[in-house]
Amino acid sequence: MVEFSGDLPPQELLYHYTSPTTLPKILSSKTIWLSPLIKMKDARESSRWNPSVQNDINREITNTDYESWCREIDEALRQRAKVACFTGDRPPTGPAGWANEFHRGYARARMWDQYACRHTGACLIFNQNALVEQATNVLGVQAKVRFDRVSYIDRRVGDADGSLSFKASDLCRSVADAAEQYLSSHWKELLFTKNVDWASEEERRILFIEPDSVATIREFPFGSALKAVVLGESFKHDAREKTVSLAEAAGLPSSGVAQCIWFGGSPQVVPVRR
């Protein structure tokens, strides 16, 4: 079982919050699904990206030209992006003591509320290196897999200056090539940056740019990367036994399932007994 007390290296573990209905699907399939970026809750990611176009050609750029380029660029850079989202441990800020676990990735009250259905879901804990390796081995044969921490800054979509700009001559030759060139230079600013409102999530994400149909479902097996499952404080008691069985089938010992309770407003992890 993961050592829940004390500090672990911040790059060692990834935490994924999920609902009580999705949890058994993840455990039984032993897979992680990637979600389309356009389904994310941040308006920066869910709204269409509209680039600026520098007119370096010997004719007027029509509204039809611009709208067509916008649609194609948005599809190439935003609609084709698929992500698996996690959080991680952060440095402790409160007083030292056995009950101070607020800095751990499984102890995020807002994420329990928002992503784990008001503490009725669960938080899955993965070994970071093993999980990223699994994603790379499975998805990497189709397209490049990227992993990094998300940065938080209030700026427009685009490069470090908030500029999403293309030359008309490049778009006339090939929108796909121009978008790919932009992505290769600015993938982190584009797809690993969110508004400051989301900073408390301390997000890490696995990114995959879909080379086929936008509607293609992408998933990968987590293999031996799963290290523990932490149930929410309000997780249904009659679902515990099935969850422990599913976790065991996914490769965890029964001691790998715990529960996060809030004692005096402080998160604590306790064993789960059938």
Protein backbone atom coordinates (compact mmCIF):
# COMPACT_ATOMS: atom_id res chain seq x y z
CA MET A 1 0.00 0.00 0.00
CA VAL A 2 1.14 3.57 -0.61
CA GLU A 3 2.72 5.13 2.45
CA PHE A 4 0.14 7.75 3.32
CA SER A 5 2.02 9.39 6.18
CA GLY A 6 5.07 11.59 5.67
CA ASP A 7 6.30 13.13 2.45
CA LEU A 8 6.92 11.33 -0.82
CA PRO A 9 8.88 12.87 -3.70
CA PRO A 10 6.48 15.28 -5.48
CA GLN A 11 7.10 13.64 -8.87
CA GLU A 12 6.40 10.11 -7.65
CA LEU A 13 2.61 9.93 -7.52
CA LEU A 14 -0.36 11.05 -9.61
CA TYR A 15 -3.91 11.32 -8.21
CA HIS A 16 -7.08 11.03 -10.26
CA TYR A 17 -10.48 11.88 -8.76
CA THR A 18 -13.51 10.13 -10.19
CA SER A 19 -17.22 9.57 -9.59
CA PRO A 20 -18.76 6.51 -7.91
CA THR A 21 -20.20 5.39 -11.26
CA THR A 22 -16.93 5.74 -13.20
CA LEU A 23 -14.74 4.10 -10.54
CA PRO A 24 -15.88 0.49 -11.20
CA LYS A 25 -15.51 1.06 -14.95
CA ILE A 26 -11.89 2.14 -14.51
CA LEU A 27 -11.05 -0.73 -12.18
CA SER A 28 -12.81 -3.43 -14.20
CA SER A 29 -11.34 -2.29 -17.53
CA LYS A 30 -7.94 -1.50 -15.97
CA THR A 31 -7.70 1.48 -18.30
CA ILE A 32 -7.49 5.27 -18.26
CA TRP A 33 -9.62 7.15 -20.78
CA LEU A 34 -8.47 10.40 -22.31
CA SER A 35 -11.04 13.19 -22.45
CA PRO A 36 -11.39 15.71 -25.29
CA LEU A 37 -9.95 19.09 -24.35
CA ILE A 38 -13.15 20.69 -25.61
CA LYS A 39 -15.04 18.97 -22.75
CA MET A 40 -12.90 20.60 -20.06
CA LYS A 41 -14.55 23.04 -17.66
CA ASP A 42 -12.11 25.91 -18.24
CA ALA A 43 -13.61 28.28 -20.83
CA ARG A 44 -10.09 28.78 -22.17
CA GLU A 45 -10.23 25.18 -23.37
CA SER A 46 -13.92 24.70 -24.09
CA SER A 47 -14.37 27.80 -26.30
CA ARG A 48 -13.22 28.09 -29.92
CA TRP A 49 -9.75 29.49 -30.50
CA ASN A 50 -9.68 32.36 -33.01
CA PRO A 51 -6.23 33.15 -34.41
CA SER A 52 -5.04 36.38 -35.94
CA VAL A 53 -3.80 36.23 -39.53
CA GLN A 54 -1.03 38.37 -40.98
CA ASN A 55 -1.82 39.26 -44.58
CA ASP A 56 1.41 38.64 -46.49
CA ILE A 57 -0.27 37.61 -49.77
CA ASN A 58 -1.14 39.75 -52.76
CA ARG A 59 -4.87 39.69 -52.30
CA GLU A 60 -7.54 40.52 -49.77
CA ILE A 61 -8.36 37.94 -47.11
CA THR A 62 -12.10 37.31 -47.32
CA ASN A 63 -14.39 36.43 -44.45
CA THR A 64 -14.77 32.98 -46.01
CA ASP A 65 -10.99 32.53 -45.95
CA TYR A 66 -10.75 33.59 -42.32
CA GLU A 67 -13.65 31.47 -41.08
CA SER A 68 -12.31 28.40 -42.89
CA TRP A 69 -8.83 28.90 -41.43
CA CYS A 70 -10.26 29.43 -37.95
CA ARG A 71 -12.23 26.19 -38.10
CA GLU A 72 -9.26 24.18 -39.33
CA ILE A 73 -6.80 25.69 -36.86
CA ASP A 74 -9.20 25.18 -33.95
CA GLU A 75 -9.69 21.55 -34.93
CA ALA A 76 -5.95 20.93 -35.29
CA LEU A 77 -4.89 22.61 -32.04
CA ARG A 78 -7.86 22.26 -29.68
CA GLN A 79 -10.45 19.77 -30.88
CA ARG A 80 -7.88 17.04 -31.57
CA ALA A 81 -6.28 17.42 -28.14
CA LYS A 82 -7.16 14.70 -25.61
CA VAL A 83 -6.00 14.65 -22.03
CA ALA A 84 -5.91 12.56 -18.88
CA CYS A 85 -5.86 14.85 -15.86
CA PHE A 86 -4.30 14.32 -12.44
CA THR A 87 -3.11 16.23 -9.42
CA GLY A 88 -0.06 15.67 -7.24
CA ASP A 89 1.43 16.28 -3.82
CA ARG A 90 2.51 19.81 -2.94
CA PRO A 91 4.83 21.18 -0.25
CA PRO A 92 3.15 21.33 3.18
CA THR A 93 2.23 24.79 4.42
CA GLY A 94 0.51 24.10 7.75
CA PRO A 95 1.96 23.18 11.13
CA ALA A 96 3.80 19.88 11.39
CA GLY A 97 1.90 16.99 12.92
CA TRP A 98 0.40 13.61 12.26
CA ALA A 99 -2.92 15.09 11.16
CA ASN A 100 -1.49 17.57 8.66
CA GLU A 101 -2.13 15.86 5.32
CA PHE A 102 -3.67 18.78 3.43
CA HIS A 103 -0.72 18.84 1.02
CA ARG A 104 -1.30 15.30 -0.20
CA GLY A 105 -2.95 14.74 -3.58
CA TYR A 106 -5.77 12.69 -2.04
CA ALA A 107 -6.66 15.47 0.41
CA ARG A 108 -8.12 18.18 -1.85
CA ALA A 109 -11.50 19.12 -0.45
CA ARG A 110 -12.63 21.05 -3.53
CA MET A 111 -11.65 18.23 -5.87
CA TRP A 112 -13.48 15.70 -3.72
CA ASP A 113 -16.53 17.94 -4.02
CA GLN A 114 -16.27 18.73 -7.75
CA TYR A 115 -14.78 15.63 -9.35
CA ALA A 116 -15.71 12.91 -6.87
CA CYS A 117 -19.36 13.91 -6.51
CA ARG A 118 -19.27 15.50 -3.07
CA HIS A 119 -17.04 12.84 -1.48
CA THR A 120 -19.10 9.90 -2.79
CA GLY A 121 -16.48 8.89 -5.39
CA ALA A 122 -12.81 7.99 -5.11
CA CYS A 123 -9.25 9.08 -5.75
CA LEU A 124 -6.99 6.66 -7.62
CA ILE A 125 -3.26 6.86 -6.93
CA PHE A 126 -0.73 5.98 -9.62
CA ASN A 127 3.02 5.78 -9.90
CA GLN A 128 3.79 8.67 -12.23
CA ASN A 129 6.67 7.19 -14.19
CA ALA A 130 4.92 3.85 -14.69
CA LEU A 131 1.67 5.47 -15.86
CA VAL A 132 3.34 7.84 -18.31
CA GLU A 133 5.37 4.92 -19.67
CA GLN A 134 2.17 2.93 -20.20
CA ALA A 135 0.56 5.84 -22.07
CA THR A 136 3.67 6.33 -24.21
CA ASN A 137 3.98 2.63 -25.08
CA VAL A 138 0.33 2.30 -26.10
CA LEU A 139 -0.57 5.69 -27.60
CA GLY A 140 2.90 6.68 -28.76
CA VAL A 141 2.73 4.36 -31.76
CA GLN A 142 -0.02 6.62 -33.15
CA ALA A 143 1.23 10.08 -32.19
CA LYS A 144 3.48 11.84 -29.71
CA VAL A 145 2.49 11.62 -26.04
CA ARG A 146 3.39 14.58 -23.85
CA PHE A 147 3.34 14.84 -20.05
CA ASP A 148 3.92 17.91 -17.90
CA ARG A 149 2.59 20.08 -15.12
CA VAL A 150 0.03 22.73 -15.96
CA SER A 151 1.04 26.38 -15.52
CA TYR A 152 -1.47 29.00 -14.38
CA ILE A 153 -1.61 32.52 -15.78
CA ASP A 154 -4.37 34.87 -16.91
CA ARG A 155 -3.66 35.50 -20.60
CA ARG A 156 -5.15 34.89 -24.01
CA VAL A 157 -4.69 31.59 -25.80
CA GLY A 158 -1.43 31.50 -27.73
CA ASP A 159 2.29 31.75 -27.15
CA ALA A 160 4.01 33.26 -24.11
CA ASP A 161 2.75 36.70 -25.21
CA GLY A 162 -0.82 35.48 -25.71
CA SER A 163 -0.52 35.63 -29.49
CA LEU A 164 -2.11 32.96 -31.68
CA SER A 165 -0.90 34.32 -35.01
CA PHE A 166 -0.32 32.82 -38.46
CA LYS A 167 0.86 34.09 -41.82
CA ALA A 168 -1.69 33.92 -44.61
CA SER A 169 0.92 32.54 -46.98
CA ASP A 170 1.53 29.57 -44.68
CA LEU A 171 -2.19 28.90 -44.36
CA CYS A 172 -2.66 29.05 -48.12
CA ARG A 173 -0.02 26.35 -48.54
CA SER A 174 -1.31 24.06 -45.78
CA VAL A 175 -3.32 24.84 -42.67
CA ALA A 176 -2.43 21.43 -41.22
CA ASP A 177 1.31 22.02 -41.64
CA ALA A 178 1.11 25.56 -40.24
CA ALA A 179 -0.84 24.31 -37.20
CA GLU A 180 1.61 21.45 -36.63
CA GLN A 181 4.55 23.84 -36.78
CA TYR A 182 2.88 26.17 -34.28
CA LEU A 183 2.06 23.27 -31.97
CA SER A 184 5.62 21.95 -32.01
CA SER A 185 6.89 25.34 -30.83
CA HIS A 186 4.12 26.32 -28.41
CA TRP A 187 2.49 23.10 -27.11
CA LYS A 188 3.16 23.94 -23.49
CA GLU A 189 1.75 27.49 -23.70
CA LEU A 190 -1.28 26.21 -25.62
CA LEU A 191 -2.17 22.96 -23.89
CA PHE A 192 -0.47 23.04 -20.50
CA THR A 193 -1.65 26.49 -19.43
CA LYS A 194 -4.88 27.39 -17.63
CA ASN A 195 -6.36 30.45 -16.00
CA VAL A 196 -5.31 31.26 -12.43
CA ASP A 197 -8.76 30.31 -11.10
CA TRP A 198 -7.73 26.64 -11.47
CA ALA A 199 -4.33 26.88 -9.78
CA SER A 200 -5.38 25.02 -6.61
CA GLU A 201 -5.72 21.83 -8.66
CA GLU A 202 -1.94 21.55 -9.16
CA GLU A 203 -2.76 19.71 -12.39
CA ARG A 204 -0.53 17.32 -14.28
CA ARG A 205 -1.78 15.97 -17.58
CA ILE A 206 -1.05 13.41 -20.25
CA LEU A 207 -1.65 14.93 -23.69
CA PHE A 208 -2.34 13.18 -26.99
CA ILE A 209 -3.11 14.94 -30.29
CA GLU A 210 -5.56 12.78 -32.22
CA PRO A 211 -4.21 11.87 -35.70
CA ASP A 212 -7.47 10.22 -36.82
CA SER A 213 -11.12 11.17 -36.36
CA VAL A 214 -11.79 13.69 -33.61
CA ALA A 215 -14.44 11.27 -32.31
CA THR A 216 -11.96 8.42 -31.81
CA ILE A 217 -11.96 7.16 -28.20
CA ARG A 218 -8.47 6.88 -26.73
CA GLU A 219 -7.53 4.82 -23.70
CA PHE A 220 -4.56 2.92 -22.34
CA PRO A 221 -4.12 0.20 -19.69
CA PHE A 222 -2.62 1.41 -16.43
CA GLY A 223 -0.87 -1.91 -15.87
CA SER A 224 0.98 -2.05 -12.57
CA ALA A 225 0.93 1.76 -12.16
CA LEU A 226 -2.10 1.70 -9.84
CA LYS A 227 -0.86 1.91 -6.24
CA ALA A 228 -3.96 2.62 -4.15
CA VAL A 229 -7.61 3.62 -4.21
CA VAL A 230 -8.91 6.13 -1.66
CA LEU A 231 -12.67 6.22 -1.21
CA GLY A 232 -14.52 9.40 -0.34
CA GLU A 233 -15.93 9.96 3.11
CA SER A 234 -19.51 9.50 1.79
CA PHE A 235 -18.74 6.49 -0.42
CA LYS A 236 -21.64 4.01 -0.19
CA HIS A 237 -20.94 1.40 2.47
CA ASP A 238 -22.63 -1.39 0.51
CA ALA A 239 -20.33 -0.75 -2.48
CA ARG A 240 -17.10 -1.20 -0.54
CA GLU A 241 -16.82 -4.97 -0.86
CA LYS A 242 -17.30 -4.88 -4.64
CA THR A 243 -14.76 -2.06 -4.92
CA VAL A 244 -12.16 -3.97 -2.93
CA SER A 245 -12.73 -7.02 -5.15
CA LEU A 246 -12.34 -4.93 -8.30
CA ALA A 247 -9.19 -3.33 -6.91
CA GLU A 248 -7.74 -6.75 -6.14
CA ALA A 249 -8.55 -7.91 -9.67
CA ALA A 250 -6.75 -4.79 -10.94
CA GLY A 251 -3.62 -5.84 -9.06
CA LEU A 252 -3.94 -4.21 -5.64
CA PRO A 253 -3.87 -6.02 -2.31
CA SER A 254 -6.98 -5.52 -0.20
CA SER A 255 -4.92 -3.16 1.97
CA GLY A 256 -4.55 -0.94 -1.11
CA VAL A 257 -8.06 0.44 -0.61
CA ALA A 258 -8.48 3.14 2.02
CA GLN A 259 -10.90 5.94 2.85
CA CYS A 260 -10.36 9.66 3.37
CA ILE A 261 -12.32 10.98 6.32
CA TRP A 262 -12.38 14.54 7.62
CA PHE A 263 -11.85 14.59 11.37
CA GLY A 264 -12.20 18.07 12.80
CA GLY A 265 -11.91 19.40 9.25
CA SER A 266 -8.59 17.61 8.71
CA PRO A 267 -8.17 14.85 6.08
CA GLN A 268 -7.08 11.47 7.37
CA VAL A 269 -6.79 8.14 5.57
CA VAL A 270 -8.10 5.03 7.33
CA PRO A 271 -8.20 1.37 6.24
CA VAL A 272 -11.32 0.00 4.57
CA ARG A 273 -12.70 -3.20 5.99
CA ARG A 274 -15.17 -5.35 4.09
